[in-house]
Protein backbone atom coordinates (compact mmCIF):
# COMPACT_ATOMS: atom_id res chain seq x y z
CA MET A 1 0.33 -0.21 -0.25
CA ILE A 2 1.24 3.52 -0.86
CA ILE A 3 -0.59 6.36 1.31
CA SER A 4 -0.65 9.88 -0.06
CA ALA A 5 -0.17 12.37 2.87
CA SER A 6 -1.92 14.08 0.94
CA ARG A 7 -3.13 15.63 -2.31
CA ARG A 8 -5.84 16.90 0.01
CA THR A 9 -4.45 19.33 2.13
CA ASP A 10 -0.63 19.72 3.28
CA ILE A 11 -0.47 17.75 6.47
CA PRO A 12 3.54 18.46 7.02
CA ALA A 13 2.79 21.98 7.01
CA PHE A 14 0.06 22.05 9.12
CA TYR A 15 -0.75 18.51 10.73
CA SER A 16 2.79 17.16 11.31
CA PRO A 17 2.08 16.58 15.19
CA TRP A 18 -0.86 14.26 14.27
CA PHE A 19 0.67 12.16 11.29
CA PHE A 20 3.30 11.24 13.80
CA ASN A 21 0.52 10.43 16.46
CA ARG A 22 -1.43 8.44 13.64
CA ILE A 23 2.40 6.58 13.09
CA LYS A 24 2.59 5.68 16.64
CA GLU A 25 -0.80 4.26 17.39
CA GLY A 26 -0.75 2.62 13.87
CA TYR A 27 -3.67 3.26 12.39
CA VAL A 28 -5.89 6.40 11.01
CA LEU A 29 -9.69 7.02 10.37
CA VAL A 30 -10.42 8.95 6.90
CA PRO A 31 -14.01 10.15 5.92
CA ASN A 32 -15.31 9.83 2.57
CA PRO A 33 -15.28 12.79 0.47
CA PHE A 34 -18.69 12.45 -0.33
CA ASP A 35 -20.50 11.23 2.89
CA VAL A 36 -18.43 12.14 6.01
CA HIS A 37 -20.50 9.94 7.79
CA ARG A 38 -18.89 6.38 6.50
CA ILE A 39 -14.84 6.24 7.73
CA SER A 40 -12.22 3.91 6.40
CA ARG A 41 -10.23 2.48 9.40
CA ILE A 42 -6.42 2.20 7.36
CA ASN A 43 -3.57 -0.01 9.08
CA LEU A 44 -0.73 2.03 8.84
CA SER A 45 1.85 -0.67 10.19
CA PRO A 46 5.12 -0.62 8.05
CA VAL A 47 4.12 -3.84 7.32
CA VAL A 48 1.74 -3.23 4.63
CA VAL A 49 2.93 0.43 3.87
CA ASP A 50 5.18 0.13 1.28
CA CYS A 51 5.73 3.95 0.54
CA ILE A 52 4.23 7.18 2.09
CA VAL A 53 4.22 10.23 -0.55
CA PHE A 54 4.17 13.42 0.98
CA TRP A 55 2.77 16.81 -0.73
CA THR A 56 3.43 19.66 0.52
CA LYS A 57 4.86 23.78 0.21
CA ASN A 58 6.46 23.54 3.17
CA PRO A 59 7.73 20.66 5.27
CA ALA A 60 9.96 22.26 7.74
CA PRO A 61 7.78 21.36 10.49
CA MET A 62 8.73 17.90 10.00
CA LEU A 63 12.34 18.06 9.73
CA ASP A 64 13.19 17.14 13.30
CA ASN A 65 10.90 14.57 13.57
CA LEU A 66 12.09 12.57 10.52
CA GLU A 67 13.22 9.42 12.76
CA LEU A 68 10.10 9.04 13.76
CA LEU A 69 9.74 7.16 10.64
CA LYS A 70 12.81 4.82 10.58
CA ASP A 71 10.66 2.17 9.82
CA TYR A 72 9.46 3.73 6.58
CA LYS A 73 10.00 4.44 3.12
CA PHE A 74 8.56 7.67 2.28
CA TYR A 75 9.18 10.50 -0.10
CA PHE A 76 8.35 14.36 -0.89
CA GLN A 77 6.50 16.25 -3.66
CA PHE A 78 7.13 19.29 -2.67
CA THR A 79 5.80 22.50 -4.69
CA LEU A 80 8.09 25.44 -5.01
CA ASN A 81 6.10 28.36 -7.01
CA PRO A 82 7.57 31.72 -7.68
CA TYR A 83 4.33 33.50 -6.79
CA GLY A 84 3.85 36.68 -4.38
CA SER A 85 1.61 36.46 -1.28
CA GLU A 86 -1.51 37.90 -3.60
CA LEU A 87 -1.65 34.16 -5.38
CA GLU A 88 -0.03 32.16 -2.08
CA ASN A 89 -0.80 34.33 0.82
CA ASN A 90 0.22 32.37 4.07
CA LEU A 91 3.61 30.68 2.40
CA LEU A 92 7.36 31.54 3.70
CA ARG A 93 9.04 33.73 1.63
CA PHE A 94 10.12 32.37 -1.39
CA HIS A 95 13.96 31.92 -0.83
CA LYS A 96 13.15 30.63 2.83
CA ARG A 97 11.43 27.61 1.09
CA ILE A 98 14.40 27.23 -0.94
CA GLU A 99 16.62 26.76 2.22
CA ILE A 100 14.20 24.24 3.64
CA PHE A 101 13.97 22.20 0.19
CA LYS A 102 17.59 22.15 0.39
CA ARG A 103 17.41 21.15 4.52
CA LEU A 104 15.16 18.38 3.46
CA ALA A 105 17.11 16.77 0.46
CA ASP A 106 20.43 17.03 2.89
CA LYS A 107 18.70 14.66 5.49
CA ILE A 108 16.72 12.17 2.70
CA GLY A 109 18.82 12.44 0.04
CA ARG A 110 18.17 14.20 -3.48
CA GLU A 111 16.29 11.43 -5.42
CA ARG A 112 13.37 11.84 -2.15
CA VAL A 113 12.70 15.36 -2.99
CA ILE A 114 10.90 15.96 -5.97
CA TRP A 115 10.79 19.80 -7.32
CA ARG A 116 6.79 20.87 -8.43
CA TYR A 117 7.11 23.58 -10.45
CA ASP A 118 3.28 23.92 -10.19
CA PRO A 119 0.04 25.61 -11.36
CA ILE A 120 2.33 27.30 -13.99
CA LEU A 121 -0.04 30.19 -14.56
CA THR A 122 0.21 33.45 -16.10
CA ASN A 123 -1.27 37.28 -16.50
CA GLY A 124 0.33 40.93 -16.45
CA ILE A 125 2.72 40.08 -13.75
CA TYR A 126 3.38 36.20 -14.29
CA THR A 127 4.54 36.31 -18.07
CA VAL A 128 6.29 33.85 -20.41
CA GLN A 129 9.47 35.67 -19.38
CA PHE A 130 8.73 35.86 -15.75
CA HIS A 131 8.45 32.22 -15.66
CA ARG A 132 11.68 32.09 -18.46
CA GLU A 133 13.43 33.68 -15.82
CA LYS A 134 12.42 31.98 -12.27
CA PHE A 135 12.40 28.45 -13.36
CA ALA A 136 16.11 28.73 -14.73
CA GLU A 137 16.61 30.58 -11.38
CA THR A 138 15.63 27.95 -9.11
CA ALA A 139 16.68 25.01 -11.03
CA GLU A 140 20.08 27.13 -10.34
CA LEU A 141 19.34 26.63 -6.60
CA LEU A 142 18.23 23.24 -6.34
CA LYS A 143 20.50 21.89 -9.01
CA GLU A 144 22.58 19.62 -6.24
CA HIS A 145 18.95 18.87 -4.22
CA THR A 146 16.99 16.89 -6.45
CA GLU A 147 16.82 14.52 -9.38
CA LYS A 148 13.33 15.19 -11.00
CA CYS A 149 11.16 18.56 -11.83
CA MET A 150 7.59 18.11 -12.33
CA LEU A 151 5.61 20.57 -14.41
CA GLY A 152 2.04 21.38 -14.10
CA PHE A 153 -0.37 23.39 -15.45
CA ILE A 154 -3.38 25.53 -14.03
CA ASP A 155 -6.46 24.15 -14.19
CA HIS A 156 -9.50 25.95 -14.53
CA TYR A 157 -11.85 24.36 -12.42
CA HIS A 158 -15.20 25.63 -12.40
CA HIS A 159 -14.93 26.38 -8.17
CA ILE A 160 -11.68 28.31 -8.56
CA ARG A 161 -12.51 30.49 -11.96
CA SER A 162 -13.97 33.46 -9.59
CA ALA A 163 -10.96 33.89 -7.61
CA VAL A 164 -8.35 32.95 -10.64
CA GLY A 165 -10.16 35.59 -12.64
CA LYS A 166 -9.80 38.50 -10.12
CA PHE A 167 -6.03 37.88 -10.82
CA ASN A 168 -6.87 38.10 -14.63
CA ILE A 169 -5.56 34.67 -15.06
CA ARG A 170 -7.06 33.12 -17.96
CA PRO A 171 -6.06 29.13 -19.59
CA LEU A 172 -2.88 29.57 -21.25
CA LEU A 173 -2.44 29.83 -24.87
CA SER A 174 -0.53 27.14 -26.99
CA GLU A 175 2.37 29.81 -27.55
CA GLU A 176 2.49 30.63 -24.12
CA ILE A 177 3.11 26.95 -23.14
CA ARG A 178 5.31 26.19 -26.30
CA GLN A 179 7.85 29.38 -25.47
CA MET A 180 8.02 28.16 -21.56
CA ALA A 181 8.91 24.39 -22.52
CA VAL A 182 11.30 25.09 -24.99
CA SER A 183 12.89 27.90 -21.82
CA PHE A 184 12.54 24.62 -19.28
CA ARG A 185 14.22 22.13 -21.90
CA GLU A 186 16.85 24.40 -22.57
CA THR A 187 17.62 25.25 -18.83
CA ILE A 188 17.43 21.46 -17.41
CA ASP A 189 19.66 20.42 -20.39
CA ALA A 190 22.23 22.60 -18.32
CA TYR A 191 21.83 19.87 -14.93
CA PRO A 192 22.01 16.26 -16.46
CA ALA A 193 20.90 15.16 -13.18
CA ILE A 194 17.47 16.44 -12.93
CA THR A 195 14.53 14.76 -14.99
CA LEU A 196 12.48 16.56 -16.61
CA GLU A 197 8.20 15.46 -16.60
CA THR A 198 4.74 16.86 -16.70
CA CYS A 199 2.41 16.38 -13.94
CA THR A 200 -0.23 14.87 -15.96
CA SER A 201 -0.51 14.03 -19.85
CA LYS A 202 -2.88 17.26 -20.11
CA VAL A 203 -0.26 18.99 -21.84
CA ASP A 204 1.64 16.91 -24.25
CA LEU A 205 5.16 18.32 -24.10
CA SER A 206 6.67 15.09 -25.67
CA ALA A 207 7.80 17.03 -28.62
CA PHE A 208 10.34 19.37 -26.91
CA GLY A 209 11.83 16.16 -25.08
CA ILE A 210 9.63 16.36 -21.37
CA SER A 211 7.49 13.30 -21.48
CA ALA A 212 4.35 12.29 -18.93
CA GLY A 213 5.13 11.72 -15.53
CA LEU A 214 4.02 10.17 -12.21
CA CYS A 215 3.53 11.76 -8.94
CA VAL A 216 2.52 8.78 -7.28
CA ASP A 217 5.50 6.67 -9.02
CA ASN A 218 6.17 2.78 -8.67
CA ARG A 219 9.32 3.20 -10.37
CA LEU A 220 10.68 5.49 -7.30
CA VAL A 221 9.08 3.80 -4.89
CA GLU A 222 10.59 0.27 -5.97
CA LYS A 223 13.72 2.40 -6.00
CA ILE A 224 13.50 3.74 -2.50
CA THR A 225 12.17 0.22 -0.93
CA GLY A 226 14.66 -2.28 -2.73
CA TYR A 227 11.87 -4.44 -4.17
CA PRO A 228 9.71 -4.67 -6.77
CA ILE A 229 5.67 -3.38 -6.62
CA ILE A 230 2.52 -4.34 -8.36
CA ALA A 231 0.54 -1.48 -8.45
CA ARG A 232 -2.24 -0.61 -10.81
CA LYS A 233 -3.22 3.04 -12.11
CA ASP A 234 -5.10 4.67 -9.36
CA LYS A 235 -8.70 4.27 -10.79
CA ASN A 236 -9.71 7.51 -8.46
CA GLN A 237 -7.43 10.06 -10.27
CA ARG A 238 -8.60 11.41 -13.95
CA ASN A 239 -7.58 9.54 -17.12
CA ILE A 240 -4.89 11.88 -17.90
CA CYS A 241 -3.09 11.07 -14.34
CA ALA A 242 -0.95 8.25 -14.35
CA CYS A 243 0.21 7.89 -11.15
CA VAL A 244 -1.07 4.50 -9.35
CA GLU A 245 -3.00 3.53 -6.77
CA SER A 246 -2.43 5.25 -3.30
CA ILE A 247 -5.08 5.59 -0.54
CA ASP A 248 -4.97 9.08 0.67
CA ILE A 249 -5.48 10.27 4.25
CA GLY A 250 -5.95 14.08 4.10
CA THR A 251 -9.50 15.75 4.25
CA TYR A 252 -10.39 18.53 1.78
CA GLU A 253 -11.39 22.21 2.69
CA THR A 254 -8.60 22.24 5.87
CA CYS A 255 -5.28 23.27 4.33
CA LEU A 256 -4.43 26.83 5.31
CA ASN A 257 -1.39 27.60 2.81
CA GLY A 258 -4.40 30.43 0.94
CA CYS A 259 -3.63 29.46 -2.63
CA ILE A 260 -6.04 31.28 -4.79
CA TYR A 261 -5.89 28.56 -7.18
CA CYS A 262 -6.41 25.30 -5.05
CA TYR A 263 -8.92 22.89 -6.16
CA ALA A 264 -8.71 21.55 -2.18
CA ILE A 265 -10.57 24.01 -0.91
CA LYS A 266 -12.79 25.16 -3.63
CA GLY A 267 -12.55 28.82 -2.90
CA ASN A 268 -14.01 27.86 0.79
CA TYR A 269 -10.94 30.11 2.36
CA ALA A 270 -13.29 30.44 5.72
CA THR A 271 -14.26 26.85 5.90
CA ALA A 272 -10.50 25.41 5.52
CA ARG A 273 -9.87 27.66 8.72
CA ARG A 274 -13.01 26.59 10.61
CA ASN A 275 -12.49 23.48 9.68
CA SER A 276 -8.96 23.51 10.63
CA ALA A 277 -9.86 24.86 14.50
CA LYS A 278 -11.70 21.46 14.77
CA HIS A 279 -8.37 19.84 14.26
CA ASP A 280 -6.98 17.85 17.60
CA LYS A 281 -3.75 16.36 17.25
CA THR A 282 -5.11 13.46 19.63
CA SER A 283 -8.05 12.32 17.16
CA PRO A 284 -7.46 9.23 14.94
CA LEU A 285 -9.52 11.77 12.25
CA LEU A 286 -7.80 14.56 10.93
CA ILE A 287 -10.49 17.38 11.92
CA GLY A 288 -12.82 16.45 15.05
CA ARG A 289 -13.87 13.53 15.97
CA LEU A 290 -16.10 10.51 15.99
CA ASN A 291 -19.83 11.64 16.16
CA GLU A 292 -22.92 9.09 16.74
CA GLY A 293 -23.90 7.42 13.38
CA ASP A 294 -20.68 7.34 12.02
CA ILE A 295 -20.27 4.21 10.40
CA VAL A 296 -16.17 2.59 10.64
CA LYS A 297 -15.32 0.09 8.54
CA GLU A 298 -11.78 -1.19 8.31
CA ARG A 299 -10.17 -1.27 4.93
CA GLU A 300 -8.44 -4.08 3.31
CA VAL A 301 -4.88 -3.08 2.76
CA LYS A 302 -1.73 -5.23 2.03
CA SER A 303 1.94 -4.60 0.85
CA LEU A 304 2.15 -4.32 -3.40
CA ARG A 305 5.47 -6.37 -3.00
CA THR A 306 6.07 -9.11 -5.22
CA ASP A 307 9.13 -10.92 -4.15
CA GLN A 308 8.08 -12.45 -1.25
CA LEU A 309 7.85 -16.09 -1.01
CA SER A 310 4.45 -17.93 -0.28
CA LEU A 311 4.06 -20.11 2.70
CA PHE A 312 1.14 -22.17 0.31
């Protein structure tokens, strides 16, 4: 089993103590996103957890406690954007996040810290030229601290159009994408240790030598764990997403990074703050506690490892 922690919220930035408590107790409760009273109990034993994928914009709260994960394999998807506080209003300054990225890579190895340049968006301030320059600057700063960069382009989900529209952020033009792809490829060619891929197949950049990649990546999991796994494509993700199956332990509308383009809080920043206020680091649930009428069922999980000999 691969644990995703989490596409739905930034667990390392805001809920690290809770996560380490869940690791200590060996299980977590996760509500169904479509019915909060249907709750899965998920075993977090290292016997069944092959790897944990962390998604974050600030893993600093975890850095001094990573030894608590000594029995687990894991890697980080670290999003590092160059935008200002008007678009990402609760993040540390850019160069502070660069320092955190480097500290993390020095602790766990550069191959286990993926740089996400995501989402790419444009307006009157964040132009193609802006991205050319900032991508090149960031690549230079991270050249010894990562082995992969994942590119992601903004999705104009219905529920974020009003928020992004206030900043004149519109769907990207094909020519804009082409110009940036050429520039990004040229930049990364100077750093042969870094692989450049796109987050999904939504935007095909193969003509520029940029292939579609996997964020939850069975190849990287096998490299980190040292054993082969069998993992299917994640049926809960979009067709354009090639990620392999994982179990997400996060909860929507709980992230406090304040990114105006975020699909996971659906523009409901006040709701995210209210939900976060209900967080109890000792609870098996990320938000709140079990209530009367909640139905908890054990989710069947197992290791994806394939090189173990059967006793039967």
